[in-house]
Amino acid sequence: MSDNPAVRALAQATLYSDEKLYVVVHLPPRAITAGAGVLAEVAAPFSALIVDKDEVTLVVNQDDWGFFADRLPEKRVETDYRLITFDLPLDLALVGFIALVGRILAEAGVSCLPFGAYERDHILVSADHFQTAWDALIAAQQA
């Protein structure tokens, strides 16, 4: 096994996907309260809200999105994303894990949106490229 901690973590991680589709929503920065309100009502195991000085990004299950879409004017929406979770507690000091995942997917021609939780990392990939991403990650784990 490699002496690279990121490579070892990837080899040990269980890949998980929930078979659901997700939407990625862009909102203006002033929409933070509306975005947080949507997130507070979502009962899905994966969702995300990212706020920075220029935008609010919301990720929710595509099945739930229809209930909330009308509440959020000035939105831009990208649909049909799939989740891949690296189901292994990762140390916050681990260096290069997402860089490794990104390189593997880039070599497979797949873009990804990474999300880091406290212990687990997640990526969203286009549903059209999900199987390619999944296969590339499995192959990297077995290398």
N, C-alpha and C. Protein backbone atom coordinates (compact mmCIF):
# COMPACT_ATOMS: atom_id res chain seq x y z
N MET A 1 0.85 -1.19 0.00
CA MET A 1 0.00 0.00 0.00
C MET A 1 0.89 1.25 0.00
N SER A 2 0.41 2.29 -0.59
CA SER A 2 1.16 3.53 -0.74
C SER A 2 1.46 4.16 0.63
N ASP A 3 2.56 4.91 0.67
CA ASP A 3 2.85 5.65 1.89
C ASP A 3 2.22 7.04 1.85
N ASN A 4 1.50 7.36 0.77
CA ASN A 4 0.79 8.64 0.65
C ASN A 4 -0.54 8.54 1.42
N PRO A 5 -0.74 9.38 2.45
CA PRO A 5 -1.96 9.28 3.26
C PRO A 5 -3.25 9.47 2.46
N ALA A 6 -3.23 10.31 1.44
CA ALA A 6 -4.44 10.53 0.63
C ALA A 6 -4.77 9.28 -0.18
N VAL A 7 -3.75 8.64 -0.73
CA VAL A 7 -3.96 7.42 -1.50
C VAL A 7 -4.47 6.31 -0.57
N ARG A 8 -3.89 6.21 0.63
CA ARG A 8 -4.36 5.20 1.59
C ARG A 8 -5.81 5.45 1.98
N ALA A 9 -6.17 6.70 2.21
CA ALA A 9 -7.55 7.04 2.59
C ALA A 9 -8.52 6.67 1.48
N LEU A 10 -8.16 6.98 0.23
CA LEU A 10 -9.04 6.63 -0.88
C LEU A 10 -9.21 5.12 -0.98
N ALA A 11 -8.12 4.37 -0.80
CA ALA A 11 -8.19 2.91 -0.88
C ALA A 11 -9.08 2.33 0.22
N GLN A 12 -9.12 2.99 1.37
CA GLN A 12 -9.90 2.50 2.51
C GLN A 12 -11.34 2.97 2.50
N ALA A 13 -11.64 4.01 1.77
CA ALA A 13 -12.99 4.60 1.79
C ALA A 13 -13.98 3.70 1.08
N THR A 14 -15.17 3.65 1.61
CA THR A 14 -16.29 3.03 0.91
C THR A 14 -16.94 4.11 0.09
N LEU A 15 -17.12 3.87 -1.19
CA LEU A 15 -17.84 4.83 -2.03
C LEU A 15 -19.32 4.61 -1.82
N TYR A 16 -20.03 5.70 -1.60
CA TYR A 16 -21.47 5.63 -1.36
C TYR A 16 -22.19 6.59 -2.29
N SER A 17 -23.29 6.15 -2.84
CA SER A 17 -24.19 7.04 -3.59
C SER A 17 -25.61 6.66 -3.24
N ASP A 18 -26.46 7.66 -3.16
CA ASP A 18 -27.84 7.42 -2.74
C ASP A 18 -28.82 7.26 -3.90
N GLU A 19 -28.31 7.23 -5.13
CA GLU A 19 -29.14 7.03 -6.32
C GLU A 19 -30.08 8.20 -6.62
N LYS A 20 -29.94 9.30 -5.92
CA LYS A 20 -30.82 10.46 -6.11
C LYS A 20 -30.17 11.48 -7.03
N LEU A 21 -31.00 12.33 -7.60
CA LEU A 21 -30.52 13.47 -8.38
C LEU A 21 -30.58 14.71 -7.51
N TYR A 22 -29.63 15.61 -7.75
CA TYR A 22 -29.53 16.86 -6.99
C TYR A 22 -29.53 18.05 -7.93
N VAL A 23 -29.94 19.19 -7.39
CA VAL A 23 -29.83 20.46 -8.09
C VAL A 23 -28.81 21.32 -7.36
N VAL A 24 -28.11 22.13 -8.13
CA VAL A 24 -27.18 23.13 -7.60
C VAL A 24 -27.76 24.48 -7.98
N VAL A 25 -28.02 25.30 -6.97
CA VAL A 25 -28.74 26.55 -7.16
C VAL A 25 -27.84 27.72 -6.79
N HIS A 26 -27.74 28.68 -7.69
CA HIS A 26 -27.01 29.92 -7.43
C HIS A 26 -28.02 31.00 -7.06
N LEU A 27 -27.74 31.70 -5.97
CA LEU A 27 -28.58 32.81 -5.51
C LEU A 27 -27.70 34.03 -5.24
N PRO A 28 -28.28 35.22 -5.30
CA PRO A 28 -27.51 36.40 -4.93
C PRO A 28 -27.21 36.39 -3.42
N PRO A 29 -26.19 37.10 -2.97
CA PRO A 29 -25.80 37.06 -1.56
C PRO A 29 -26.91 37.49 -0.60
N ARG A 30 -27.78 38.34 -1.04
CA ARG A 30 -28.85 38.79 -0.15
C ARG A 30 -29.92 37.72 0.08
N ALA A 31 -29.82 36.59 -0.60
CA ALA A 31 -30.82 35.52 -0.48
C ALA A 31 -30.43 34.47 0.56
N ILE A 32 -29.51 34.81 1.45
CA ILE A 32 -29.04 33.84 2.43
C ILE A 32 -30.19 33.33 3.32
N THR A 33 -31.05 34.21 3.76
CA THR A 33 -32.14 33.78 4.64
C THR A 33 -33.10 32.85 3.91
N ALA A 34 -33.43 33.17 2.68
CA ALA A 34 -34.32 32.30 1.90
C ALA A 34 -33.66 30.94 1.66
N GLY A 35 -32.38 30.93 1.32
CA GLY A 35 -31.67 29.68 1.11
C GLY A 35 -31.60 28.84 2.38
N ALA A 36 -31.32 29.50 3.50
CA ALA A 36 -31.27 28.78 4.77
C ALA A 36 -32.64 28.25 5.15
N GLY A 37 -33.69 28.99 4.82
CA GLY A 37 -35.04 28.53 5.09
C GLY A 37 -35.38 27.27 4.31
N VAL A 38 -34.97 27.21 3.07
CA VAL A 38 -35.18 26.01 2.27
C VAL A 38 -34.43 24.84 2.90
N LEU A 39 -33.19 25.06 3.24
CA LEU A 39 -32.39 23.99 3.82
C LEU A 39 -32.99 23.49 5.13
N ALA A 40 -33.55 24.40 5.92
CA ALA A 40 -34.16 24.00 7.19
C ALA A 40 -35.36 23.08 6.99
N GLU A 41 -36.00 23.16 5.84
CA GLU A 41 -37.18 22.33 5.57
C GLU A 41 -36.87 21.03 4.85
N VAL A 42 -35.68 20.89 4.34
CA VAL A 42 -35.32 19.69 3.58
C VAL A 42 -35.00 18.57 4.57
N ALA A 43 -35.58 17.43 4.34
CA ALA A 43 -35.36 16.29 5.22
C ALA A 43 -34.47 15.23 4.58
N ALA A 44 -33.65 15.63 3.64
CA ALA A 44 -32.78 14.68 2.92
C ALA A 44 -31.47 14.51 3.67
N PRO A 45 -30.83 13.34 3.53
CA PRO A 45 -29.56 13.12 4.20
C PRO A 45 -28.40 13.95 3.65
N PHE A 46 -28.51 14.44 2.40
CA PHE A 46 -27.45 15.30 1.88
C PHE A 46 -28.06 16.57 1.34
N SER A 47 -27.54 17.68 1.80
CA SER A 47 -27.86 19.00 1.27
C SER A 47 -26.72 19.91 1.70
N ALA A 48 -26.64 21.08 1.08
CA ALA A 48 -25.55 21.99 1.41
C ALA A 48 -25.97 23.43 1.18
N LEU A 49 -25.41 24.31 1.96
CA LEU A 49 -25.58 25.75 1.79
C LEU A 49 -24.20 26.37 1.98
N ILE A 50 -23.75 27.06 0.95
CA ILE A 50 -22.47 27.74 1.00
C ILE A 50 -22.72 29.22 0.75
N VAL A 51 -22.16 30.04 1.61
CA VAL A 51 -22.34 31.48 1.50
C VAL A 51 -20.96 32.12 1.42
N ASP A 52 -20.77 32.96 0.43
CA ASP A 52 -19.57 33.77 0.39
C ASP A 52 -19.97 35.20 0.04
N LYS A 53 -19.01 36.06 -0.16
CA LYS A 53 -19.31 37.47 -0.37
C LYS A 53 -20.05 37.74 -1.67
N ASP A 54 -19.97 36.82 -2.63
CA ASP A 54 -20.53 37.05 -3.95
C ASP A 54 -21.79 36.25 -4.26
N GLU A 55 -22.05 35.18 -3.51
CA GLU A 55 -23.17 34.32 -3.87
C GLU A 55 -23.56 33.40 -2.73
N VAL A 56 -24.73 32.83 -2.89
CA VAL A 56 -25.21 31.75 -2.04
C VAL A 56 -25.41 30.55 -2.96
N THR A 57 -24.90 29.40 -2.55
CA THR A 57 -25.08 28.17 -3.31
C THR A 57 -25.85 27.19 -2.45
N LEU A 58 -26.86 26.62 -3.03
CA LEU A 58 -27.72 25.67 -2.34
C LEU A 58 -27.73 24.37 -3.13
N VAL A 59 -27.58 23.26 -2.44
CA VAL A 59 -27.68 21.94 -3.06
C VAL A 59 -28.78 21.18 -2.34
N VAL A 60 -29.77 20.73 -3.12
CA VAL A 60 -30.87 19.96 -2.55
C VAL A 60 -31.26 18.84 -3.50
N ASN A 61 -31.93 17.88 -2.94
CA ASN A 61 -32.46 16.76 -3.72
C ASN A 61 -33.39 17.31 -4.79
N GLN A 62 -33.23 16.84 -6.00
CA GLN A 62 -34.02 17.33 -7.12
C GLN A 62 -35.52 17.07 -6.92
N ASP A 63 -35.89 15.97 -6.25
CA ASP A 63 -37.29 15.69 -5.97
C ASP A 63 -37.92 16.75 -5.06
N ASP A 64 -37.12 17.29 -4.13
CA ASP A 64 -37.61 18.32 -3.21
C ASP A 64 -37.64 19.71 -3.83
N TRP A 65 -36.83 19.92 -4.85
CA TRP A 65 -36.64 21.25 -5.41
C TRP A 65 -37.94 21.90 -5.85
N GLY A 66 -38.84 21.14 -6.43
CA GLY A 66 -40.10 21.70 -6.92
C GLY A 66 -40.91 22.40 -5.85
N PHE A 67 -40.77 21.96 -4.60
CA PHE A 67 -41.50 22.58 -3.50
C PHE A 67 -40.96 23.96 -3.14
N PHE A 68 -39.72 24.23 -3.51
CA PHE A 68 -39.04 25.45 -3.07
C PHE A 68 -38.70 26.43 -4.18
N ALA A 69 -38.72 26.00 -5.40
CA ALA A 69 -38.22 26.80 -6.52
C ALA A 69 -38.88 28.17 -6.60
N ASP A 70 -40.19 28.23 -6.38
CA ASP A 70 -40.90 29.51 -6.50
C ASP A 70 -40.53 30.51 -5.40
N ARG A 71 -39.98 30.04 -4.32
CA ARG A 71 -39.59 30.94 -3.21
C ARG A 71 -38.32 31.72 -3.50
N LEU A 72 -37.59 31.30 -4.49
CA LEU A 72 -36.26 31.85 -4.70
C LEU A 72 -36.15 32.55 -6.05
N PRO A 73 -36.52 33.81 -6.09
CA PRO A 73 -36.33 34.56 -7.34
C PRO A 73 -34.84 34.79 -7.59
N GLU A 74 -34.52 35.17 -8.79
CA GLU A 74 -33.13 35.46 -9.18
C GLU A 74 -32.21 34.26 -9.02
N LYS A 75 -32.72 33.09 -9.27
CA LYS A 75 -31.91 31.88 -9.14
C LYS A 75 -31.40 31.42 -10.50
N ARG A 76 -30.29 30.71 -10.46
CA ARG A 76 -29.81 29.94 -11.60
C ARG A 76 -29.70 28.50 -11.11
N VAL A 77 -30.18 27.57 -11.91
CA VAL A 77 -30.28 26.19 -11.45
C VAL A 77 -29.61 25.25 -12.44
N GLU A 78 -28.80 24.37 -11.93
CA GLU A 78 -28.22 23.27 -12.70
C GLU A 78 -28.79 21.98 -12.12
N THR A 79 -29.31 21.12 -12.98
CA THR A 79 -29.98 19.91 -12.52
C THR A 79 -29.16 18.66 -12.87
N ASP A 80 -29.65 17.56 -12.38
CA ASP A 80 -29.13 16.23 -12.74
C ASP A 80 -27.70 15.99 -12.30
N TYR A 81 -27.45 16.20 -11.01
CA TYR A 81 -26.17 15.86 -10.40
C TYR A 81 -26.36 14.65 -9.51
N ARG A 82 -25.33 13.84 -9.40
CA ARG A 82 -25.34 12.67 -8.52
C ARG A 82 -24.26 12.83 -7.46
N LEU A 83 -24.53 12.26 -6.31
CA LEU A 83 -23.65 12.33 -5.15
C LEU A 83 -22.74 11.11 -5.08
N ILE A 84 -21.49 11.36 -4.75
CA ILE A 84 -20.57 10.30 -4.33
C ILE A 84 -19.97 10.75 -3.01
N THR A 85 -20.14 9.91 -2.00
CA THR A 85 -19.58 10.18 -0.68
C THR A 85 -18.42 9.23 -0.45
N PHE A 86 -17.35 9.74 0.11
CA PHE A 86 -16.21 8.93 0.52
C PHE A 86 -16.46 8.61 1.99
N ASP A 87 -17.06 7.45 2.21
CA ASP A 87 -17.60 7.10 3.52
C ASP A 87 -16.51 6.53 4.42
N LEU A 88 -15.72 7.43 4.94
CA LEU A 88 -14.63 7.11 5.85
C LEU A 88 -14.32 8.40 6.60
N PRO A 89 -14.27 8.36 7.93
CA PRO A 89 -13.89 9.58 8.65
C PRO A 89 -12.48 10.01 8.24
N LEU A 90 -12.38 11.23 7.76
CA LEU A 90 -11.10 11.78 7.32
C LEU A 90 -10.63 12.82 8.32
N ASP A 91 -9.36 12.77 8.65
CA ASP A 91 -8.77 13.75 9.55
C ASP A 91 -8.74 15.11 8.85
N LEU A 92 -9.06 16.14 9.57
CA LEU A 92 -9.04 17.49 8.99
C LEU A 92 -7.64 17.90 8.52
N ALA A 93 -6.63 17.26 9.04
CA ALA A 93 -5.25 17.58 8.64
C ALA A 93 -4.79 16.79 7.41
N LEU A 94 -5.62 15.90 6.90
CA LEU A 94 -5.25 15.11 5.72
C LEU A 94 -5.02 16.05 4.53
N VAL A 95 -3.89 15.92 3.90
CA VAL A 95 -3.50 16.78 2.79
C VAL A 95 -3.65 16.03 1.47
N GLY A 96 -4.31 16.65 0.50
CA GLY A 96 -4.31 16.16 -0.86
C GLY A 96 -5.41 15.20 -1.25
N PHE A 97 -6.36 14.93 -0.36
CA PHE A 97 -7.40 13.95 -0.69
C PHE A 97 -8.25 14.42 -1.87
N ILE A 98 -8.80 15.61 -1.77
CA ILE A 98 -9.64 16.10 -2.88
C ILE A 98 -8.80 16.38 -4.12
N ALA A 99 -7.54 16.76 -3.95
CA ALA A 99 -6.66 16.93 -5.11
C ALA A 99 -6.49 15.59 -5.84
N LEU A 100 -6.33 14.52 -5.08
CA LEU A 100 -6.21 13.19 -5.67
C LEU A 100 -7.49 12.80 -6.41
N VAL A 101 -8.63 12.99 -5.76
CA VAL A 101 -9.92 12.69 -6.38
C VAL A 101 -10.10 13.52 -7.65
N GLY A 102 -9.79 14.80 -7.56
CA GLY A 102 -9.91 15.69 -8.72
C GLY A 102 -9.03 15.25 -9.87
N ARG A 103 -7.81 14.82 -9.57
CA ARG A 103 -6.90 14.35 -10.62
C ARG A 103 -7.43 13.08 -11.29
N ILE A 104 -7.93 12.15 -10.49
CA ILE A 104 -8.48 10.91 -11.03
C ILE A 104 -9.65 11.22 -11.97
N LEU A 105 -10.53 12.09 -11.52
CA LEU A 105 -11.70 12.43 -12.33
C LEU A 105 -11.31 13.25 -13.56
N ALA A 106 -10.35 14.15 -13.41
CA ALA A 106 -9.90 14.93 -14.57
C ALA A 106 -9.33 14.01 -15.64
N GLU A 107 -8.56 13.02 -15.23
CA GLU A 107 -8.00 12.07 -16.19
C GLU A 107 -9.10 11.26 -16.88
N ALA A 108 -10.25 11.11 -16.20
CA ALA A 108 -11.39 10.40 -16.79
C ALA A 108 -12.31 11.34 -17.56
N GLY A 109 -11.99 12.64 -17.57
CA GLY A 109 -12.79 13.62 -18.29
C GLY A 109 -14.07 14.02 -17.58
N VAL A 110 -14.06 13.94 -16.24
CA VAL A 110 -15.26 14.24 -15.45
C VAL A 110 -14.98 15.42 -14.52
N SER A 111 -15.84 16.43 -14.56
CA SER A 111 -15.72 17.52 -13.60
C SER A 111 -16.51 17.17 -12.35
N CYS A 112 -16.14 17.77 -11.24
CA CYS A 112 -16.85 17.50 -10.00
C CYS A 112 -16.95 18.76 -9.16
N LEU A 113 -17.95 18.77 -8.31
CA LEU A 113 -18.12 19.82 -7.30
C LEU A 113 -17.83 19.19 -5.95
N PRO A 114 -16.71 19.53 -5.30
CA PRO A 114 -16.38 18.91 -4.02
C PRO A 114 -17.04 19.64 -2.84
N PHE A 115 -17.40 18.86 -1.84
CA PHE A 115 -17.95 19.39 -0.59
C PHE A 115 -17.29 18.65 0.55
N GLY A 116 -16.75 19.40 1.49
CA GLY A 116 -16.12 18.78 2.64
C GLY A 116 -16.97 18.99 3.88
N ALA A 117 -17.34 17.88 4.54
CA ALA A 117 -17.99 17.95 5.83
C ALA A 117 -16.90 17.78 6.90
N TYR A 118 -17.28 17.72 8.14
CA TYR A 118 -16.28 17.62 9.20
C TYR A 118 -15.44 16.36 9.04
N GLU A 119 -16.07 15.22 8.80
CA GLU A 119 -15.33 13.97 8.69
C GLU A 119 -15.34 13.33 7.31
N ARG A 120 -16.29 13.66 6.48
CA ARG A 120 -16.41 12.99 5.19
C ARG A 120 -16.41 14.00 4.05
N ASP A 121 -15.82 13.59 2.95
CA ASP A 121 -15.85 14.42 1.76
C ASP A 121 -16.87 13.84 0.79
N HIS A 122 -17.44 14.73 -0.01
CA HIS A 122 -18.47 14.36 -0.98
C HIS A 122 -18.16 15.09 -2.27
N ILE A 123 -18.60 14.51 -3.37
CA ILE A 123 -18.55 15.22 -4.64
C ILE A 123 -19.89 15.06 -5.34
N LEU A 124 -20.21 16.03 -6.15
CA LEU A 124 -21.33 15.92 -7.07
C LEU A 124 -20.75 15.87 -8.47
N VAL A 125 -21.30 14.96 -9.27
CA VAL A 125 -20.91 14.85 -10.67
C VAL A 125 -22.18 14.82 -11.51
N SER A 126 -22.06 15.26 -12.72
CA SER A 126 -23.19 15.21 -13.63
C SER A 126 -23.68 13.76 -13.74
N ALA A 127 -24.99 13.60 -13.73
CA ALA A 127 -25.56 12.25 -13.85
C ALA A 127 -25.07 11.56 -15.12
N ASP A 128 -24.86 12.34 -16.18
CA ASP A 128 -24.37 11.77 -17.43
C ASP A 128 -22.97 11.17 -17.31
N HIS A 129 -22.20 11.65 -16.34
CA HIS A 129 -20.82 11.19 -16.16
C HIS A 129 -20.64 10.37 -14.88
N PHE A 130 -21.74 10.08 -14.20
CA PHE A 130 -21.64 9.39 -12.92
C PHE A 130 -20.91 8.05 -13.04
N GLN A 131 -21.31 7.21 -13.97
CA GLN A 131 -20.72 5.88 -14.06
C GLN A 131 -19.23 5.95 -14.40
N THR A 132 -18.86 6.89 -15.24
CA THR A 132 -17.45 7.07 -15.56
C THR A 132 -16.67 7.47 -14.31
N ALA A 133 -17.23 8.39 -13.53
CA ALA A 133 -16.58 8.82 -12.29
C ALA A 133 -16.47 7.66 -11.31
N TRP A 134 -17.55 6.96 -11.12
CA TRP A 134 -17.59 5.83 -10.18
C TRP A 134 -16.54 4.79 -10.58
N ASP A 135 -16.52 4.42 -11.85
CA ASP A 135 -15.57 3.41 -12.32
C ASP A 135 -14.12 3.87 -12.16
N ALA A 136 -13.84 5.13 -12.43
CA ALA A 136 -12.49 5.67 -12.28
C ALA A 136 -12.04 5.64 -10.82
N LEU A 137 -12.94 5.98 -9.92
CA LEU A 137 -12.60 5.97 -8.50
C LEU A 137 -12.39 4.55 -7.98
N ILE A 138 -13.24 3.62 -8.41
CA ILE A 138 -13.07 2.22 -8.02
C ILE A 138 -11.73 1.69 -8.54
N ALA A 139 -11.41 1.99 -9.77
CA ALA A 139 -10.14 1.55 -10.35
C ALA A 139 -8.96 2.12 -9.57
N ALA A 140 -9.06 3.39 -9.17
CA ALA A 140 -7.98 4.01 -8.40
C ALA A 140 -7.84 3.36 -7.02
N GLN A 141 -8.95 2.97 -6.43
CA GLN A 141 -8.89 2.30 -5.14
C GLN A 141 -8.17 0.97 -5.24
N GLN A 142 -8.31 0.31 -6.35
CA GLN A 142 -7.76 -1.03 -6.53
C GLN A 142 -6.33 -1.03 -7.09
N ALA A 143 -5.85 0.15 -7.46
CA ALA A 143 -4.50 0.24 -8.06
C ALA A 143 -3.42 0.04 -7.03
